[in-house]
Amino acid sequence: MPGGWVPRWEALLASFGWGDAGELASTRTKRRVAELQTGPEGVEAQVRLSDSESHSPRISFLPLPAKVLDVAIRTMAGKARFAASLLSGRIPLDVESAFAGTGRTLLPASPAEIRLSCTCRSTEEICPHNQVLLALLGERFDRDPFLLFELRGIEREHLLARLKRYRSSPRARTAPPELQPARAVPREPLPEVRPDAFFRPTTPLGPRRSLFSTPESGDTLLARLGPPPFSEPQAAELLLDLHRAVGLGARERLAEWEWRNVSRRTPEVR
């Protein structure tokens, strides 16, 4: 995005309902912040409004899960452009693409991921001191983009160290799949069969029955074909009876054929 992190950060705050771009820019240029400190625990400063006493607002981000950060770092390590920018002390503006598929983003996705506190103990959702600090945070990201990662739970040194490690080992860029332990399959002993009876059935085939069964409803097939082309209800009932009779007859013929076939081919079992 042109202009660095400032417009991106101000657009994000505006989407949260925390002031439009004009208000944030006006607040940012007044420079009423002193002793600004940053670190993994958040951003804190001394803010004084007009002639009132100064207060200490504090802003922190919800840390990202370690697994999300690891996936993002592996992705950035696999892209030469990303790796070159990070190793030279810059974070590309399209860094969010490294978080694709994780369900998370580097910048806070909602106000719930930003924690605000202030010594003024204001009852407002955002006190004036935090408004000033929020407006200046975009400039801070431009000066030190690694602050974004710090606020999300990983310091610059650790980020760069892991990036170099993943760059030096291409295999490490891809997270190893979680392998399930192999399940032991119990062995079953083979039945004892005489060699001369190996190809003979161990049980008589006569009692076996056909797998054919008539449908529960005799008009199932007819229903698939649509309504019968008869105007009289009696003709439609006759067609249904005929269909059922054909099914029963086919079942009887199949059972008779199987019985004769098994009787003729089944060898005598000794």
Protein backbone atom coordinates (compact mmCIF):
# COMPACT_ATOMS: atom_id res chain seq x y z
CA MET A 1 0.00 0.00 0.00
CA PRO A 2 1.52 3.39 -0.95
CA GLY A 3 2.68 5.52 1.95
CA GLY A 4 3.90 2.78 4.23
CA TRP A 5 2.20 1.53 7.36
CA VAL A 6 0.60 4.83 8.44
CA PRO A 7 -2.36 4.80 6.00
CA ARG A 8 -2.85 1.07 6.50
CA TRP A 9 -2.96 1.45 10.27
CA GLU A 10 -5.28 4.48 10.11
CA ALA A 11 -7.63 2.63 7.75
CA LEU A 12 -7.73 -0.28 10.19
CA LEU A 13 -8.57 2.01 13.12
CA ALA A 14 -11.28 3.70 11.06
CA SER A 15 -12.80 0.31 10.30
CA PHE A 16 -13.01 -0.29 14.07
CA GLY A 17 -14.88 3.02 14.49
CA TRP A 18 -11.91 4.58 16.31
CA GLY A 19 -11.75 7.79 14.26
CA ASP A 20 -11.52 8.63 10.58
CA ALA A 21 -8.30 9.33 8.69
CA GLY A 22 -8.58 13.11 9.10
CA GLU A 23 -9.02 12.97 12.87
CA LEU A 24 -6.18 10.50 13.27
CA ALA A 25 -3.85 12.56 11.10
CA SER A 26 -4.68 15.71 13.09
CA THR A 27 -4.02 13.91 16.38
CA ARG A 28 -0.78 12.46 15.05
CA THR A 29 0.68 15.82 14.05
CA LYS A 30 0.14 17.47 17.43
CA ARG A 31 3.01 15.52 18.98
CA ARG A 32 1.83 15.36 22.57
CA VAL A 33 3.66 12.14 23.42
CA ALA A 34 6.82 11.79 25.47
CA GLU A 35 8.88 8.85 26.73
CA LEU A 36 7.40 6.37 24.26
CA GLN A 37 8.58 2.84 25.02
CA THR A 38 7.97 -0.32 23.00
CA GLY A 39 8.48 -3.99 23.69
CA PRO A 40 6.83 -7.41 23.65
CA GLU A 41 4.56 -6.33 26.48
CA GLY A 42 3.16 -3.44 24.47
CA VAL A 43 3.61 0.25 23.73
CA GLU A 44 3.51 2.78 26.58
CA ALA A 45 4.05 6.54 26.68
CA GLN A 46 3.45 9.73 28.62
CA VAL A 47 0.65 11.77 27.04
CA ARG A 48 -0.39 15.25 28.11
CA LEU A 49 -3.49 16.98 26.76
CA SER A 50 -3.54 20.79 26.90
CA ASP A 51 -2.78 21.94 30.43
CA SER A 52 -3.99 18.78 32.15
CA GLU A 53 -1.69 16.38 33.89
CA SER A 54 0.03 13.68 31.85
CA HIS A 55 -1.09 10.06 31.89
CA SER A 56 0.37 6.75 30.75
CA PRO A 57 -1.71 4.96 28.13
CA ARG A 58 -0.68 1.44 27.19
CA ILE A 59 -1.49 -0.60 24.06
CA SER A 60 -0.82 -4.30 23.56
CA PHE A 61 -1.87 -6.85 20.97
CA LEU A 62 -3.17 -10.35 21.52
CA PRO A 63 -0.20 -12.70 20.86
CA LEU A 64 -0.53 -15.05 17.90
CA PRO A 65 -0.29 -18.80 18.51
CA ALA A 66 3.22 -20.20 18.11
CA LYS A 67 2.05 -22.51 15.32
CA VAL A 68 0.65 -19.59 13.30
CA LEU A 69 3.90 -17.66 13.62
CA ASP A 70 5.92 -20.72 12.61
CA VAL A 71 3.84 -21.26 9.47
CA ALA A 72 4.22 -17.58 8.52
CA ILE A 73 8.00 -17.61 9.05
CA ARG A 74 8.39 -20.80 6.99
CA THR A 75 6.35 -19.20 4.20
CA MET A 76 8.45 -16.03 4.25
CA ALA A 77 11.65 -18.09 4.27
CA GLY A 78 10.50 -19.84 1.11
CA LYS A 79 10.13 -16.53 -0.77
CA ALA A 80 13.39 -14.82 -1.67
CA ARG A 81 11.78 -11.36 -1.82
CA PHE A 82 10.32 -11.67 1.67
CA ALA A 83 13.51 -13.08 3.12
CA ALA A 84 15.66 -10.35 1.58
CA SER A 85 13.39 -7.60 2.95
CA LEU A 86 13.31 -9.05 6.45
CA LEU A 87 17.05 -9.68 6.62
CA SER A 88 17.68 -6.08 5.51
CA GLY A 89 15.44 -4.72 8.27
CA ARG A 90 12.27 -4.10 6.29
CA ILE A 91 8.90 -5.86 6.32
CA PRO A 92 7.07 -5.89 2.96
CA LEU A 93 3.61 -4.36 2.97
CA ASP A 94 2.11 -7.58 1.60
CA VAL A 95 3.45 -9.57 4.54
CA GLU A 96 -0.13 -10.60 5.36
CA SER A 97 0.00 -13.07 2.46
CA ALA A 98 2.38 -15.19 4.56
CA PHE A 99 -0.48 -15.76 7.02
CA ALA A 100 -2.87 -17.03 4.36
CA GLY A 101 -4.46 -20.30 5.41
CA THR A 102 -3.74 -19.81 9.12
CA GLY A 103 -6.99 -18.01 9.87
CA ARG A 104 -5.05 -15.16 11.52
CA THR A 105 -3.44 -11.88 10.43
CA LEU A 106 -0.39 -9.92 11.50
CA LEU A 107 -2.37 -6.74 12.08
CA PRO A 108 -5.25 -7.10 14.54
CA ALA A 109 -8.38 -8.31 12.77
CA SER A 110 -10.80 -6.85 15.33
CA PRO A 111 -10.81 -4.54 18.37
CA ALA A 112 -10.90 -7.67 20.54
CA GLU A 113 -7.23 -8.28 19.63
CA ILE A 114 -6.14 -4.89 20.99
CA ARG A 115 -5.90 -4.23 24.72
CA LEU A 116 -6.03 -0.65 25.97
CA SER A 117 -5.32 0.71 29.44
CA CYS A 118 -4.52 4.11 30.91
CA THR A 119 -3.75 5.68 34.25
CA CYS A 120 -6.53 8.22 33.72
CA ARG A 121 -9.08 5.47 34.46
CA SER A 122 -11.56 6.88 31.97
CA THR A 123 -14.89 5.07 31.58
CA GLU A 124 -14.94 5.69 27.82
CA GLU A 125 -14.21 2.86 25.39
CA ILE A 126 -11.07 4.72 24.29
CA CYS A 127 -9.72 7.51 26.44
CA PRO A 128 -8.18 10.61 24.77
CA HIS A 129 -4.68 9.52 25.82
CA ASN A 130 -5.02 6.16 24.06
CA GLN A 131 -6.42 7.94 21.00
CA VAL A 132 -3.21 9.92 20.75
CA LEU A 133 -1.04 6.84 21.20
CA LEU A 134 -3.05 4.86 18.65
CA ALA A 135 -2.68 7.65 16.10
CA LEU A 136 1.12 7.67 16.54
CA LEU A 137 1.51 3.91 16.38
CA GLY A 138 1.38 3.86 12.57
CA GLU A 139 4.48 6.06 12.40
CA ARG A 140 6.19 3.75 14.84
CA PHE A 141 5.47 0.78 12.55
CA ASP A 142 7.15 2.68 9.69
CA ARG A 143 10.25 3.26 11.80
CA ASP A 144 10.38 -0.24 13.22
CA PRO A 145 8.17 -2.70 11.30
CA PHE A 146 9.45 -5.53 13.50
CA LEU A 147 7.40 -3.99 16.30
CA LEU A 148 4.37 -5.65 14.70
CA PHE A 149 5.93 -9.07 15.22
CA GLU A 150 7.05 -8.09 18.71
CA LEU A 151 3.52 -7.12 19.70
CA ARG A 152 2.30 -10.43 18.25
CA GLY A 153 4.63 -12.51 20.39
CA ILE A 154 8.03 -12.90 18.68
CA GLU A 155 11.02 -10.58 19.02
CA ARG A 156 13.14 -9.43 16.10
CA GLU A 157 16.20 -11.54 17.00
CA HIS A 158 14.19 -14.75 17.28
CA LEU A 159 12.34 -14.01 14.05
CA LEU A 160 15.52 -13.43 12.04
CA ALA A 161 17.26 -16.45 13.58
CA ARG A 162 14.44 -18.78 12.58
CA LEU A 163 14.24 -17.17 9.16
CA LYS A 164 17.95 -17.84 8.54
CA ARG A 165 17.62 -21.41 9.79
CA TYR A 166 14.70 -22.15 7.48
CA ARG A 167 16.50 -20.49 4.55
CA SER A 168 19.59 -22.65 5.09
CA SER A 169 17.54 -25.85 5.22
CA PRO A 170 14.91 -26.10 2.45
CA ARG A 171 13.38 -29.16 4.10
CA ALA A 172 12.71 -27.18 7.26
CA ARG A 173 10.50 -24.72 5.38
CA THR A 174 7.74 -27.28 5.22
CA ALA A 175 6.26 -28.28 8.53
CA PRO A 176 6.47 -32.07 8.99
CA PRO A 177 3.08 -33.77 9.01
CA GLU A 178 1.84 -35.17 12.25
CA LEU A 179 2.21 -38.91 11.82
CA GLN A 180 -0.22 -41.24 13.51
CA PRO A 181 1.34 -44.20 15.30
CA ALA A 182 1.00 -47.44 13.40
CA ARG A 183 -1.68 -49.70 14.78
CA ALA A 184 -0.71 -53.30 15.30
CA VAL A 185 -2.94 -55.75 13.43
CA PRO A 186 -3.35 -59.07 15.26
CA ARG A 187 -2.47 -62.11 13.20
CA GLU A 188 -5.06 -64.83 12.81
CA PRO A 189 -3.94 -68.44 12.32
CA LEU A 190 -4.87 -70.04 9.01
CA PRO A 191 -7.39 -72.90 9.16
CA GLU A 192 -6.00 -76.42 8.85
CA VAL A 193 -6.97 -77.75 5.40
CA ARG A 194 -5.73 -80.97 3.76
CA PRO A 195 -3.80 -80.32 0.50
CA ASP A 196 -6.17 -82.54 -1.53
CA ALA A 197 -9.17 -80.56 -0.26
CA PHE A 198 -7.64 -77.10 -0.65
CA PHE A 199 -9.90 -76.08 -3.53
CA ARG A 200 -13.00 -77.66 -2.06
CA PRO A 201 -15.52 -75.74 0.07
CA THR A 202 -15.22 -76.33 3.80
CA THR A 203 -19.01 -76.18 4.23
CA PRO A 204 -21.83 -77.44 1.99
CA LEU A 205 -23.09 -74.88 -0.49
CA GLY A 206 -26.64 -76.18 -0.51
CA PRO A 207 -27.95 -74.04 2.38
CA ARG A 208 -26.70 -70.84 0.76
CA ARG A 209 -29.41 -68.56 -0.51
CA SER A 210 -29.54 -65.93 -3.19
CA LEU A 211 -28.80 -62.35 -2.25
CA PHE A 212 -31.72 -61.24 -4.40
CA SER A 213 -34.60 -59.71 -2.48
CA THR A 214 -37.68 -57.94 -3.67
CA PRO A 215 -38.01 -54.27 -2.79
CA GLU A 216 -40.14 -53.32 0.17
CA SER A 217 -42.49 -51.42 -2.08
CA GLY A 218 -43.55 -53.02 -5.32
CA ASP A 219 -44.04 -49.71 -7.08
CA THR A 220 -40.49 -48.40 -6.43
CA LEU A 221 -39.33 -48.87 -10.00
CA LEU A 222 -42.61 -47.64 -11.44
CA ALA A 223 -42.39 -44.50 -9.32
CA ARG A 224 -39.03 -43.70 -10.91
CA LEU A 225 -40.61 -43.95 -14.38
CA GLY A 226 -43.32 -41.47 -13.49
CA PRO A 227 -47.13 -41.89 -13.38
CA PRO A 228 -48.56 -44.71 -15.55
CA PRO A 229 -50.08 -43.59 -18.88
CA PHE A 230 -53.59 -44.68 -17.89
CA SER A 231 -56.54 -42.50 -17.10
CA GLU A 232 -58.38 -45.18 -15.14
CA PRO A 233 -57.17 -46.01 -11.59
CA GLN A 234 -58.02 -49.71 -12.07
CA ALA A 235 -55.58 -50.00 -14.98
CA ALA A 236 -52.81 -48.50 -12.85
CA GLU A 237 -53.49 -51.02 -10.06
CA LEU A 238 -53.34 -53.91 -12.55
CA LEU A 239 -49.96 -52.68 -13.78
CA LEU A 240 -48.65 -52.58 -10.21
CA ASP A 241 -49.88 -56.14 -9.53
CA LEU A 242 -48.22 -57.33 -12.72
CA HIS A 243 -44.95 -55.72 -11.67
CA ARG A 244 -45.04 -57.47 -8.29
CA ALA A 245 -45.85 -60.82 -9.90
CA VAL A 246 -42.87 -60.50 -12.25
CA GLY A 247 -40.58 -59.79 -9.29
CA LEU A 248 -41.79 -62.80 -7.32
CA GLY A 249 -41.52 -65.04 -10.36
CA ALA A 250 -37.96 -63.89 -11.03
CA ARG A 251 -36.98 -64.64 -7.44
CA GLU A 252 -38.39 -68.16 -7.61
CA ARG A 253 -36.68 -68.88 -10.95
CA LEU A 254 -33.34 -67.62 -9.61
CA ALA A 255 -33.58 -69.76 -6.47
CA GLU A 256 -34.43 -72.83 -8.54
CA TRP A 257 -31.52 -72.21 -10.92
CA GLU A 258 -29.05 -71.82 -8.02
CA TRP A 259 -30.26 -74.99 -6.36
CA ARG A 260 -29.77 -77.04 -9.54
CA ASN A 261 -26.40 -75.49 -10.27
CA VAL A 262 -25.05 -76.12 -6.77
CA SER A 263 -26.36 -79.69 -6.71
CA ARG A 264 -24.68 -80.50 -10.01
CA ARG A 265 -21.27 -78.92 -9.28
CA THR A 266 -20.76 -79.40 -5.54
CA PRO A 267 -18.23 -82.24 -4.94
CA GLU A 268 -18.68 -84.64 -2.14
CA VAL A 269 -17.02 -83.44 1.04
CA ARG A 270 -15.16 -86.17 2.88
